[in-house]
């Protein structure tokens, strides 16, 4: 039995995506910092084979424990959906908040890939899905730090595509627009094309594995 490792599963798009993939019969390793929310999520899903792996993507020292956990299962793919957002203008920069944004949105993904890519290369198969944002395509107001982190994630996906081109590893970078979550609830402006996390998750699932 193979698993998808879903990082950022406790809330928002990640939580909704877990439910969509569960409905399609996939087995998941559910990761986020909040163990209680992961356990609640597992209780809402149908497949009893889902596993819980609490983790903080900003803490590199946890990597060996995650690697050991994953060594005991067949890993089909990894979905990086962890995200942090704090509206910020270049006129009022909070550097600590910038570092947190980069740690969650970009360098955390690098840490996860450092664990999974060697394994995928060895087995010559795997599926890497990075959940970015349209904010990564160009500079936007009040997105200092966040936009740069998502642009970096898009570029990271392009790096992976170039380096892994001759393998059977599938690379996807999916960039949603405005999705109603705890993060976008911080915005105080009209968000064109705003959709629910459930709608976004359905689109992402179809991009990943095809229509239900």
N, C-alpha and C. Protein backbone atom coordinates (compact mmCIF):
# COMPACT_ATOMS: atom_id res chain seq x y z
N UNK A 1 0.84 -1.20 0.00
CA UNK A 1 0.00 0.00 0.00
C UNK A 1 0.87 1.24 0.00
N UNK A 2 0.54 2.20 -0.85
CA UNK A 2 1.34 3.41 -0.97
C UNK A 2 0.60 4.61 -0.37
N UNK A 3 1.39 5.62 0.00
CA UNK A 3 0.86 6.80 0.68
C UNK A 3 1.29 8.08 -0.03
N UNK A 4 0.45 9.09 0.10
CA UNK A 4 0.83 10.47 -0.18
C UNK A 4 1.08 11.15 1.15
N UNK A 5 2.19 11.85 1.23
CA UNK A 5 2.51 12.63 2.44
C UNK A 5 2.01 14.05 2.22
N UNK A 6 1.02 14.46 3.01
CA UNK A 6 0.38 15.77 2.87
C UNK A 6 0.81 16.66 4.03
N UNK A 7 1.62 17.66 3.72
CA UNK A 7 2.12 18.58 4.74
C UNK A 7 1.28 19.85 4.71
N UNK A 8 0.78 20.25 5.87
CA UNK A 8 -0.14 21.38 5.96
C UNK A 8 -1.58 20.91 5.95
N UNK A 9 -1.84 19.75 6.56
CA UNK A 9 -3.15 19.09 6.47
C UNK A 9 -4.15 19.56 7.51
N UNK A 10 -3.72 20.34 8.49
CA UNK A 10 -4.61 20.60 9.62
C UNK A 10 -5.69 21.64 9.34
N UNK A 11 -5.45 22.55 8.39
CA UNK A 11 -6.39 23.65 8.15
C UNK A 11 -6.48 23.95 6.66
N UNK A 12 -7.47 24.76 6.31
CA UNK A 12 -7.56 25.37 4.99
C UNK A 12 -7.56 24.41 3.82
N UNK A 13 -6.80 24.76 2.79
CA UNK A 13 -6.76 23.96 1.57
C UNK A 13 -6.26 22.55 1.87
N UNK A 14 -5.24 22.44 2.72
CA UNK A 14 -4.68 21.13 3.02
C UNK A 14 -5.70 20.20 3.65
N UNK A 15 -6.48 20.72 4.58
CA UNK A 15 -7.50 19.90 5.24
C UNK A 15 -8.58 19.46 4.24
N UNK A 16 -9.00 20.40 3.40
CA UNK A 16 -10.01 20.08 2.40
C UNK A 16 -9.47 19.09 1.38
N UNK A 17 -8.18 19.22 1.02
CA UNK A 17 -7.58 18.30 0.07
C UNK A 17 -7.48 16.89 0.64
N UNK A 18 -7.19 16.79 1.93
CA UNK A 18 -7.15 15.47 2.57
C UNK A 18 -8.50 14.77 2.40
N UNK A 19 -9.58 15.51 2.56
CA UNK A 19 -10.90 14.91 2.43
C UNK A 19 -11.19 14.50 0.99
N UNK A 20 -10.72 15.30 0.04
CA UNK A 20 -10.94 14.97 -1.37
C UNK A 20 -10.16 13.72 -1.75
N UNK A 21 -8.92 13.62 -1.33
CA UNK A 21 -8.10 12.45 -1.66
C UNK A 21 -8.59 11.21 -0.93
N UNK A 22 -9.05 11.39 0.29
CA UNK A 22 -9.65 10.28 1.04
C UNK A 22 -10.85 9.73 0.29
N UNK A 23 -11.69 10.61 -0.25
CA UNK A 23 -12.88 10.18 -0.99
C UNK A 23 -12.50 9.42 -2.26
N UNK A 24 -11.31 9.68 -2.78
CA UNK A 24 -10.84 8.98 -3.97
C UNK A 24 -10.11 7.68 -3.63
N UNK A 25 -10.00 7.37 -2.35
CA UNK A 25 -9.41 6.10 -1.94
C UNK A 25 -7.93 6.12 -1.66
N UNK A 26 -7.31 7.31 -1.63
CA UNK A 26 -5.88 7.39 -1.36
C UNK A 26 -5.59 7.28 0.14
N UNK A 27 -4.45 6.70 0.46
CA UNK A 27 -3.97 6.64 1.83
C UNK A 27 -2.99 7.78 2.05
N UNK A 28 -3.10 8.44 3.20
CA UNK A 28 -2.35 9.67 3.45
C UNK A 28 -1.55 9.60 4.74
N UNK A 29 -0.39 10.25 4.71
CA UNK A 29 0.33 10.61 5.93
C UNK A 29 0.03 12.08 6.16
N UNK A 30 -0.62 12.40 7.25
CA UNK A 30 -1.10 13.75 7.53
C UNK A 30 -0.14 14.47 8.46
N UNK A 31 0.39 15.61 8.00
CA UNK A 31 1.37 16.34 8.80
C UNK A 31 0.96 17.80 8.97
N UNK A 32 1.25 18.32 10.14
CA UNK A 32 1.10 19.74 10.50
C UNK A 32 1.63 19.86 11.93
N UNK A 33 1.68 21.07 12.43
CA UNK A 33 2.14 21.23 13.81
C UNK A 33 1.11 20.79 14.84
N UNK A 34 -0.17 20.99 14.52
CA UNK A 34 -1.24 20.77 15.49
C UNK A 34 -1.71 19.32 15.48
N UNK A 35 -1.20 18.53 16.40
CA UNK A 35 -1.55 17.10 16.45
C UNK A 35 -3.03 16.88 16.70
N UNK A 36 -3.62 17.69 17.56
CA UNK A 36 -5.04 17.53 17.87
C UNK A 36 -5.91 17.73 16.63
N UNK A 37 -5.60 18.73 15.85
CA UNK A 37 -6.37 18.98 14.62
C UNK A 37 -6.18 17.85 13.61
N UNK A 38 -4.98 17.27 13.57
CA UNK A 38 -4.75 16.13 12.69
C UNK A 38 -5.56 14.93 13.14
N UNK A 39 -5.62 14.70 14.43
CA UNK A 39 -6.41 13.58 14.94
C UNK A 39 -7.90 13.78 14.67
N UNK A 40 -8.36 15.03 14.81
CA UNK A 40 -9.76 15.32 14.48
C UNK A 40 -10.02 15.06 13.00
N UNK A 41 -9.08 15.48 12.16
CA UNK A 41 -9.23 15.26 10.72
C UNK A 41 -9.27 13.77 10.40
N UNK A 42 -8.38 13.00 10.98
CA UNK A 42 -8.36 11.56 10.72
C UNK A 42 -9.70 10.93 11.09
N UNK A 43 -10.32 11.43 12.17
CA UNK A 43 -11.61 10.92 12.58
C UNK A 43 -12.73 11.26 11.61
N UNK A 44 -12.52 12.29 10.79
CA UNK A 44 -13.53 12.68 9.81
C UNK A 44 -13.38 11.95 8.48
N UNK A 45 -12.26 11.25 8.30
CA UNK A 45 -11.98 10.57 7.05
C UNK A 45 -12.47 9.12 7.10
N UNK A 46 -12.58 8.51 5.93
CA UNK A 46 -13.16 7.17 5.83
C UNK A 46 -12.10 6.06 5.86
N UNK A 47 -10.95 6.32 5.29
CA UNK A 47 -9.92 5.30 5.18
C UNK A 47 -9.21 5.14 6.53
N UNK A 48 -9.28 3.96 7.15
CA UNK A 48 -8.65 3.79 8.47
C UNK A 48 -7.13 3.69 8.41
N UNK A 49 -6.56 3.65 7.21
CA UNK A 49 -5.12 3.46 7.07
C UNK A 49 -4.33 4.77 7.08
N UNK A 50 -5.01 5.91 7.15
CA UNK A 50 -4.29 7.18 7.21
C UNK A 50 -3.40 7.22 8.46
N UNK A 51 -2.24 7.85 8.32
CA UNK A 51 -1.29 7.97 9.42
C UNK A 51 -1.10 9.43 9.78
N UNK A 52 -0.70 9.69 11.00
CA UNK A 52 -0.45 11.05 11.49
C UNK A 52 1.03 11.21 11.81
N UNK A 53 1.63 12.27 11.27
CA UNK A 53 3.04 12.59 11.53
C UNK A 53 3.13 14.07 11.87
N UNK A 54 2.95 14.45 13.14
CA UNK A 54 3.07 15.86 13.51
C UNK A 54 4.48 16.38 13.23
N UNK A 55 4.56 17.60 12.73
CA UNK A 55 5.87 18.16 12.42
C UNK A 55 5.79 19.67 12.31
N UNK A 56 6.93 20.30 12.53
CA UNK A 56 7.09 21.74 12.33
C UNK A 56 8.09 21.91 11.20
N UNK A 57 7.63 22.38 10.05
CA UNK A 57 8.50 22.47 8.88
C UNK A 57 9.63 23.47 9.07
N UNK A 58 9.52 24.34 10.08
CA UNK A 58 10.57 25.33 10.32
C UNK A 58 11.69 24.79 11.20
N UNK A 59 11.57 23.54 11.65
CA UNK A 59 12.56 22.94 12.54
C UNK A 59 13.33 21.84 11.81
N UNK A 60 14.49 22.15 11.26
CA UNK A 60 15.24 21.16 10.48
C UNK A 60 15.65 19.93 11.28
N UNK A 61 15.77 20.06 12.61
CA UNK A 61 16.22 18.94 13.44
C UNK A 61 15.22 17.79 13.45
N UNK A 62 13.98 18.04 13.04
CA UNK A 62 12.97 16.99 13.02
C UNK A 62 13.12 16.07 11.81
N UNK A 63 13.97 16.44 10.86
CA UNK A 63 14.06 15.72 9.60
C UNK A 63 14.37 14.24 9.73
N UNK A 64 15.30 13.88 10.62
CA UNK A 64 15.68 12.48 10.75
C UNK A 64 14.53 11.63 11.28
N UNK A 65 13.75 12.19 12.20
CA UNK A 65 12.59 11.46 12.72
C UNK A 65 11.54 11.24 11.64
N UNK A 66 11.31 12.25 10.82
CA UNK A 66 10.36 12.11 9.73
C UNK A 66 10.83 11.07 8.72
N UNK A 67 12.13 11.10 8.42
CA UNK A 67 12.70 10.16 7.47
C UNK A 67 12.54 8.73 7.97
N UNK A 68 12.80 8.52 9.26
CA UNK A 68 12.68 7.18 9.83
C UNK A 68 11.23 6.69 9.78
N UNK A 69 10.30 7.58 10.07
CA UNK A 69 8.87 7.24 10.02
C UNK A 69 8.49 6.82 8.61
N UNK A 70 8.90 7.59 7.62
CA UNK A 70 8.50 7.34 6.23
C UNK A 70 9.20 6.11 5.65
N UNK A 71 10.34 5.72 6.20
CA UNK A 71 11.06 4.55 5.70
C UNK A 71 10.25 3.27 5.85
N UNK A 72 9.28 3.27 6.75
CA UNK A 72 8.50 2.07 7.02
C UNK A 72 7.29 1.92 6.11
N UNK A 73 7.08 2.88 5.20
CA UNK A 73 5.93 2.81 4.32
C UNK A 73 6.35 3.01 2.87
N UNK A 74 5.48 2.62 1.96
CA UNK A 74 5.71 2.91 0.54
C UNK A 74 5.19 4.31 0.25
N UNK A 75 6.02 5.18 -0.24
CA UNK A 75 5.66 6.57 -0.45
C UNK A 75 5.44 6.83 -1.94
N UNK A 76 4.21 7.16 -2.29
CA UNK A 76 3.86 7.42 -3.68
C UNK A 76 4.12 8.87 -4.08
N UNK A 77 3.88 9.80 -3.13
CA UNK A 77 4.04 11.20 -3.46
C UNK A 77 4.07 12.07 -2.23
N UNK A 78 4.40 13.34 -2.45
CA UNK A 78 4.43 14.32 -1.38
C UNK A 78 3.72 15.58 -1.86
N UNK A 79 2.90 16.15 -0.99
CA UNK A 79 2.15 17.37 -1.30
C UNK A 79 2.53 18.42 -0.27
N UNK A 80 3.16 19.50 -0.72
CA UNK A 80 3.55 20.55 0.22
C UNK A 80 2.52 21.66 0.18
N UNK A 81 1.72 21.73 1.24
CA UNK A 81 0.62 22.68 1.30
C UNK A 81 0.71 23.59 2.53
N UNK A 82 1.82 23.49 3.25
CA UNK A 82 1.99 24.37 4.42
C UNK A 82 2.14 25.81 3.94
N UNK A 83 1.55 26.74 4.67
CA UNK A 83 1.63 28.13 4.25
C UNK A 83 1.47 29.10 5.41
N UNK A 84 2.14 30.23 5.26
CA UNK A 84 2.02 31.31 6.24
C UNK A 84 1.88 32.62 5.48
N UNK A 85 1.00 33.49 5.99
CA UNK A 85 0.76 34.77 5.33
C UNK A 85 0.47 35.84 6.36
N UNK A 86 1.14 36.94 6.23
CA UNK A 86 0.86 38.14 7.03
C UNK A 86 0.89 39.32 6.09
N UNK A 87 -0.24 40.02 5.90
CA UNK A 87 -0.23 41.19 5.01
C UNK A 87 0.86 42.18 5.46
N UNK A 88 1.67 42.63 4.51
CA UNK A 88 2.77 43.50 4.88
C UNK A 88 3.16 44.40 3.71
N UNK A 89 3.28 45.68 3.99
CA UNK A 89 3.72 46.64 2.99
C UNK A 89 5.22 46.86 3.11
N UNK A 90 5.83 47.22 2.01
CA UNK A 90 7.25 47.57 2.02
C UNK A 90 7.50 48.82 2.86
N UNK A 91 6.44 49.58 3.17
CA UNK A 91 6.57 50.78 4.00
C UNK A 91 6.59 50.46 5.49
N UNK A 92 6.27 49.20 5.83
CA UNK A 92 6.21 48.83 7.25
C UNK A 92 6.65 47.37 7.39
N UNK A 93 7.94 47.12 7.23
CA UNK A 93 8.47 45.76 7.17
C UNK A 93 8.69 45.20 8.58
N UNK A 94 8.17 44.00 8.79
CA UNK A 94 8.42 43.23 10.00
C UNK A 94 9.35 42.08 9.60
N UNK A 95 10.63 42.23 9.88
CA UNK A 95 11.61 41.27 9.37
C UNK A 95 11.41 39.88 9.98
N UNK A 96 11.06 39.81 11.25
CA UNK A 96 10.83 38.51 11.89
C UNK A 96 9.68 37.77 11.20
N UNK A 97 8.64 38.53 10.84
CA UNK A 97 7.51 37.93 10.13
C UNK A 97 7.93 37.47 8.74
N UNK A 98 8.81 38.21 8.10
CA UNK A 98 9.35 37.80 6.80
C UNK A 98 10.09 36.47 6.91
N UNK A 99 10.91 36.33 7.94
CA UNK A 99 11.66 35.10 8.12
C UNK A 99 10.73 33.91 8.36
N UNK A 100 9.68 34.12 9.12
CA UNK A 100 8.72 33.05 9.36
C UNK A 100 8.02 32.64 8.07
N UNK A 101 7.66 33.65 7.27
CA UNK A 101 6.99 33.38 6.00
C UNK A 101 7.88 32.54 5.09
N UNK A 102 9.13 32.92 4.98
CA UNK A 102 10.07 32.17 4.14
C UNK A 102 10.31 30.78 4.69
N UNK A 103 10.37 30.66 6.01
CA UNK A 103 10.63 29.36 6.63
C UNK A 103 9.50 28.37 6.36
N UNK A 104 8.27 28.84 6.42
CA UNK A 104 7.13 27.96 6.19
C UNK A 104 6.90 27.72 4.70
N UNK A 105 6.92 28.78 3.92
CA UNK A 105 6.50 28.68 2.52
C UNK A 105 7.57 28.16 1.58
N UNK A 106 8.83 28.37 1.93
CA UNK A 106 9.89 28.01 0.98
C UNK A 106 10.93 27.05 1.57
N UNK A 107 11.63 27.46 2.60
CA UNK A 107 12.69 26.58 3.10
C UNK A 107 12.12 25.32 3.74
N UNK A 108 10.91 25.40 4.28
CA UNK A 108 10.26 24.19 4.78
C UNK A 108 10.04 23.18 3.68
N UNK A 109 9.66 23.67 2.51
CA UNK A 109 9.49 22.78 1.35
C UNK A 109 10.81 22.14 0.96
N UNK A 110 11.89 22.91 1.02
CA UNK A 110 13.20 22.36 0.70
C UNK A 110 13.57 21.22 1.64
N UNK A 111 13.25 21.39 2.93
CA UNK A 111 13.53 20.35 3.90
C UNK A 111 12.77 19.07 3.61
N UNK A 112 11.51 19.21 3.24
CA UNK A 112 10.69 18.04 2.89
C UNK A 112 11.23 17.36 1.64
N UNK A 113 11.63 18.15 0.67
CA UNK A 113 12.18 17.59 -0.57
C UNK A 113 13.51 16.89 -0.33
N UNK A 114 14.29 17.41 0.61
CA UNK A 114 15.57 16.78 0.94
C UNK A 114 15.36 15.37 1.48
N UNK A 115 14.21 15.15 2.11
CA UNK A 115 13.87 13.82 2.64
C UNK A 115 13.33 12.91 1.54
N UNK A 116 12.49 13.46 0.67
CA UNK A 116 11.74 12.62 -0.25
C UNK A 116 12.41 12.39 -1.60
N UNK A 117 13.12 13.39 -2.13
CA UNK A 117 13.68 13.23 -3.48
C UNK A 117 14.68 12.06 -3.58
N UNK A 118 15.61 11.88 -2.64
CA UNK A 118 16.51 10.73 -2.77
C UNK A 118 15.76 9.41 -2.85
N UNK A 119 14.69 9.32 -2.12
CA UNK A 119 13.89 8.09 -2.14
C UNK A 119 13.20 7.91 -3.49
N UNK A 120 12.62 8.99 -4.01
CA UNK A 120 11.95 8.91 -5.31
C UNK A 120 12.95 8.57 -6.42
N UNK A 121 14.14 9.16 -6.33
CA UNK A 121 15.16 8.89 -7.34
C UNK A 121 15.57 7.43 -7.28
N UNK A 122 15.76 6.90 -6.10
CA UNK A 122 16.17 5.51 -5.93
C UNK A 122 15.14 4.55 -6.52
N UNK A 123 13.84 4.85 -6.29
CA UNK A 123 12.79 3.97 -6.80
C UNK A 123 12.36 4.35 -8.22
N UNK A 124 12.92 5.47 -8.72
CA UNK A 124 12.61 6.01 -10.06
C UNK A 124 11.12 6.19 -10.29
N UNK A 125 10.45 6.66 -9.29
CA UNK A 125 9.05 7.05 -9.41
C UNK A 125 8.67 7.88 -8.19
N UNK A 126 7.65 8.70 -8.36
CA UNK A 126 7.18 9.55 -7.28
C UNK A 126 6.40 10.72 -7.85
N UNK A 127 5.76 11.44 -6.99
CA UNK A 127 4.91 12.56 -7.40
C UNK A 127 5.12 13.69 -6.40
N UNK A 128 5.59 14.82 -6.88
CA UNK A 128 5.83 15.99 -6.04
C UNK A 128 4.85 17.08 -6.42
N UNK A 129 4.08 17.56 -5.44
CA UNK A 129 3.09 18.61 -5.67
C UNK A 129 3.39 19.77 -4.72
N UNK A 130 3.65 20.93 -5.27
CA UNK A 130 3.90 22.14 -4.48
C UNK A 130 2.72 23.09 -4.66
N UNK A 131 2.10 23.49 -3.56
CA UNK A 131 0.97 24.42 -3.63
C UNK A 131 1.50 25.83 -3.44
N UNK A 132 1.54 26.57 -4.53
CA UNK A 132 2.04 27.93 -4.49
C UNK A 132 0.92 28.94 -4.43
N UNK A 133 1.02 29.97 -5.26
CA UNK A 133 0.02 31.04 -5.27
C UNK A 133 0.25 31.90 -6.50
N UNK A 134 -0.82 32.47 -7.02
CA UNK A 134 -0.67 33.42 -8.12
C UNK A 134 0.12 34.65 -7.66
N UNK A 135 0.21 34.86 -6.35
CA UNK A 135 1.01 35.97 -5.83
C UNK A 135 2.49 35.81 -6.15
N UNK A 136 2.89 34.61 -6.56
CA UNK A 136 4.28 34.38 -6.90
C UNK A 136 4.65 34.81 -8.30
N UNK A 137 3.65 35.22 -9.11
CA UNK A 137 3.92 35.57 -10.50
C UNK A 137 4.40 37.00 -10.67
N UNK A 138 3.94 37.91 -9.83
CA UNK A 138 4.36 39.31 -9.95
C UNK A 138 4.14 40.03 -8.63
N UNK A 139 4.79 41.18 -8.48
CA UNK A 139 4.67 41.93 -7.24
C UNK A 139 3.28 42.48 -7.03
N UNK A 140 2.77 42.34 -5.81
CA UNK A 140 1.44 42.83 -5.44
C UNK A 140 1.55 43.70 -4.19
N UNK A 141 0.60 44.62 -4.00
CA UNK A 141 0.63 45.45 -2.80
C UNK A 141 0.44 44.61 -1.53
N UNK A 142 1.10 44.99 -0.48
CA UNK A 142 0.94 44.37 0.84
C UNK A 142 1.28 42.88 0.85
N UNK A 143 2.15 42.46 -0.06
CA UNK A 143 2.56 41.05 -0.11
C UNK A 143 4.07 40.92 0.05
N UNK A 144 4.66 41.88 0.75
CA UNK A 144 6.11 41.84 0.97
C UNK A 144 6.46 40.57 1.74
N UNK A 145 7.38 39.80 1.25
CA UNK A 145 7.75 38.54 1.91
C UNK A 145 6.95 37.37 1.37
N UNK A 146 5.63 37.48 1.42
CA UNK A 146 4.77 36.38 0.96
C UNK A 146 4.94 36.14 -0.53
N UNK A 147 4.85 37.20 -1.33
CA UNK A 147 4.99 37.04 -2.77
C UNK A 147 6.35 36.48 -3.14
N UNK A 148 7.39 36.94 -2.46
CA UNK A 148 8.73 36.45 -2.74
C UNK A 148 8.86 34.97 -2.40
N UNK A 149 8.22 34.55 -1.30
CA UNK A 149 8.29 33.14 -0.90
C UNK A 149 7.60 32.25 -1.92
N UNK A 150 6.48 32.70 -2.45
CA UNK A 150 5.75 31.90 -3.44
C UNK A 150 6.45 31.93 -4.80
N UNK A 151 7.07 33.05 -5.14
CA UNK A 151 7.87 33.09 -6.36
C UNK A 151 9.03 32.09 -6.25
N UNK A 152 9.62 32.04 -5.07
CA UNK A 152 10.70 31.07 -4.83
C UNK A 152 10.22 29.64 -4.96
N UNK A 153 9.00 29.36 -4.49
CA UNK A 153 8.45 28.01 -4.59
C UNK A 153 8.21 27.62 -6.04
N UNK A 154 7.71 28.57 -6.83
CA UNK A 154 7.52 28.31 -8.27
C UNK A 154 8.86 28.01 -8.93
N UNK A 155 9.86 28.82 -8.62
CA UNK A 155 11.20 28.61 -9.19
C UNK A 155 11.76 27.27 -8.75
N UNK A 156 11.50 26.90 -7.49
CA UNK A 156 11.97 25.61 -6.97
C UNK A 156 11.38 24.47 -7.79
N UNK A 157 10.10 24.58 -8.12
CA UNK A 157 9.47 23.56 -8.95
C UNK A 157 10.11 23.47 -10.33
N UNK A 158 10.47 24.63 -10.88
CA UNK A 158 11.15 24.63 -12.17
C UNK A 158 12.54 23.99 -12.08
N UNK A 159 13.23 24.23 -10.97
CA UNK A 159 14.51 23.55 -10.74
C UNK A 159 14.34 22.03 -10.72
N UNK A 160 13.31 21.58 -10.00
CA UNK A 160 13.05 20.14 -9.89
C UNK A 160 12.78 19.55 -11.27
N UNK A 161 11.98 20.25 -12.06
CA UNK A 161 11.64 19.75 -13.40
C UNK A 161 12.91 19.58 -14.24
N UNK A 162 13.82 20.53 -14.15
CA UNK A 162 15.06 20.46 -14.92
C UNK A 162 15.96 19.32 -14.44
N UNK A 163 16.10 19.20 -13.13
CA UNK A 163 17.02 18.20 -12.57
C UNK A 163 16.48 16.78 -12.69
N UNK A 164 15.15 16.62 -12.64
CA UNK A 164 14.55 15.28 -12.60
C UNK A 164 13.92 14.90 -13.92
N UNK A 165 14.26 15.63 -14.98
CA UNK A 165 13.62 15.45 -16.27
C UNK A 165 13.75 14.02 -16.80
N UNK A 166 14.87 13.38 -16.54
CA UNK A 166 15.10 12.04 -17.08
C UNK A 166 14.66 10.92 -16.14
N UNK A 167 13.93 11.27 -15.10
CA UNK A 167 13.39 10.27 -14.19
C UNK A 167 11.89 10.14 -14.43
N UNK A 168 11.28 9.20 -13.71
CA UNK A 168 9.82 9.02 -13.78
C UNK A 168 9.10 9.74 -12.65
N UNK A 169 9.75 10.78 -12.12
CA UNK A 169 9.14 11.56 -11.03
C UNK A 169 8.32 12.69 -11.64
N UNK A 170 7.07 12.77 -11.24
CA UNK A 170 6.15 13.80 -11.75
C UNK A 170 6.21 15.03 -10.85
N UNK A 171 6.38 16.20 -11.46
CA UNK A 171 6.47 17.46 -10.73
C UNK A 171 5.27 18.33 -11.09
N UNK A 172 4.57 18.84 -10.09
CA UNK A 172 3.47 19.78 -10.33
C UNK A 172 3.56 20.94 -9.34
N UNK A 173 3.45 22.15 -9.86
CA UNK A 173 3.31 23.35 -9.04
C UNK A 173 1.92 23.92 -9.34
N UNK A 174 1.09 23.99 -8.33
CA UNK A 174 -0.29 24.44 -8.48
C UNK A 174 -0.45 25.76 -7.76
N UNK A 175 -0.90 26.79 -8.48
CA UNK A 175 -0.95 28.15 -7.94
C UNK A 175 -2.38 28.67 -7.87
N UNK A 176 -3.06 28.45 -6.75
CA UNK A 176 -4.43 28.96 -6.60
C UNK A 176 -4.46 30.48 -6.54
N UNK A 177 -5.63 31.03 -6.84
CA UNK A 177 -5.88 32.45 -6.62
C UNK A 177 -6.38 32.65 -5.20
N UNK A 178 -7.38 33.51 -5.03
CA UNK A 178 -7.89 33.78 -3.69
C UNK A 178 -8.79 32.64 -3.23
N UNK A 179 -8.45 32.07 -2.08
CA UNK A 179 -9.21 30.97 -1.48
C UNK A 179 -9.55 31.38 -0.06
N UNK A 180 -10.80 31.20 0.32
CA UNK A 180 -11.24 31.61 1.66
C UNK A 180 -10.68 30.65 2.72
N UNK A 181 -9.73 31.14 3.49
CA UNK A 181 -9.12 30.38 4.57
C UNK A 181 -8.83 31.34 5.73
N UNK A 182 -8.24 30.81 6.78
CA UNK A 182 -7.83 31.68 7.89
C UNK A 182 -6.82 32.73 7.43
N UNK A 183 -6.04 32.40 6.41
CA UNK A 183 -5.02 33.34 5.94
C UNK A 183 -5.64 34.50 5.17
N UNK A 184 -6.52 34.20 4.22
CA UNK A 184 -7.13 35.29 3.45
C UNK A 184 -8.14 36.08 4.27
N UNK A 185 -8.59 35.52 5.39
CA UNK A 185 -9.47 36.29 6.29
C UNK A 185 -8.74 37.51 6.86
N UNK A 186 -7.42 37.54 6.73
CA UNK A 186 -6.64 38.69 7.20
C UNK A 186 -6.72 39.87 6.23
N UNK A 187 -7.19 39.61 5.03
CA UNK A 187 -7.26 40.68 4.03
C UNK A 187 -8.47 41.57 4.25
N UNK A 188 -8.30 42.85 3.97
CA UNK A 188 -9.40 43.81 4.12
C UNK A 188 -9.65 44.52 2.79
N UNK A 189 -9.68 43.74 1.74
CA UNK A 189 -9.99 44.28 0.41
C UNK A 189 -10.78 43.23 -0.35
N UNK A 190 -11.42 43.65 -1.41
CA UNK A 190 -12.19 42.73 -2.23
C UNK A 190 -11.24 41.79 -2.96
N UNK A 191 -11.53 40.49 -2.85
CA UNK A 191 -10.67 39.48 -3.47
C UNK A 191 -11.40 38.88 -4.67
N UNK A 192 -11.03 39.27 -5.88
CA UNK A 192 -11.72 38.77 -7.07
C UNK A 192 -11.57 37.27 -7.24
N UNK A 193 -12.66 36.62 -7.63
CA UNK A 193 -12.61 35.19 -7.88
C UNK A 193 -12.47 34.33 -6.64
N UNK A 194 -12.81 34.89 -5.48
CA UNK A 194 -12.67 34.15 -4.23
C UNK A 194 -13.50 32.87 -4.25
N UNK A 195 -12.86 31.74 -3.91
CA UNK A 195 -13.56 30.45 -3.84
C UNK A 195 -13.32 29.82 -2.47
N UNK A 196 -14.08 28.80 -2.15
CA UNK A 196 -13.93 28.11 -0.87
C UNK A 196 -12.74 27.16 -0.92
N UNK A 197 -12.27 26.77 0.25
CA UNK A 197 -11.18 25.79 0.32
C UNK A 197 -11.60 24.47 -0.31
N UNK A 198 -12.89 24.13 -0.16
CA UNK A 198 -13.39 22.89 -0.73
C UNK A 198 -13.34 22.91 -2.26
N UNK A 199 -13.71 24.05 -2.83
CA UNK A 199 -13.64 24.19 -4.30
C UNK A 199 -12.19 24.10 -4.77
N UNK A 200 -11.32 24.79 -4.08
CA UNK A 200 -9.90 24.76 -4.45
C UNK A 200 -9.35 23.35 -4.37
N UNK A 201 -9.71 22.64 -3.30
CA UNK A 201 -9.21 21.28 -3.12
C UNK A 201 -9.70 20.36 -4.22
N UNK A 202 -10.92 20.54 -4.66
CA UNK A 202 -11.45 19.71 -5.74
C UNK A 202 -10.67 19.94 -7.03
N UNK A 203 -10.38 21.20 -7.33
CA UNK A 203 -9.57 21.52 -8.52
C UNK A 203 -8.18 20.91 -8.40
N UNK A 204 -7.57 21.03 -7.22
CA UNK A 204 -6.22 20.51 -7.02
C UNK A 204 -6.21 18.99 -7.18
N UNK A 205 -7.19 18.32 -6.59
CA UNK A 205 -7.27 16.87 -6.69
C UNK A 205 -7.40 16.43 -8.15
N UNK A 206 -8.19 17.16 -8.92
CA UNK A 206 -8.36 16.81 -10.33
C UNK A 206 -7.06 17.02 -11.12
N UNK A 207 -6.33 18.09 -10.78
CA UNK A 207 -5.05 18.33 -11.44
C UNK A 207 -4.06 17.23 -11.09
N UNK A 208 -4.10 16.80 -9.84
CA UNK A 208 -3.15 15.78 -9.38
C UNK A 208 -3.43 14.40 -9.94
N UNK A 209 -4.69 13.97 -9.78
CA UNK A 209 -4.99 12.55 -10.05
C UNK A 209 -6.12 12.35 -11.06
N UNK A 210 -6.67 13.43 -11.60
CA UNK A 210 -7.73 13.32 -12.58
C UNK A 210 -9.11 13.42 -11.96
N UNK A 211 -10.16 13.52 -12.80
CA UNK A 211 -11.53 13.63 -12.30
C UNK A 211 -11.92 12.42 -11.48
N UNK A 212 -12.82 12.65 -10.55
CA UNK A 212 -13.29 11.56 -9.69
C UNK A 212 -14.15 10.60 -10.50
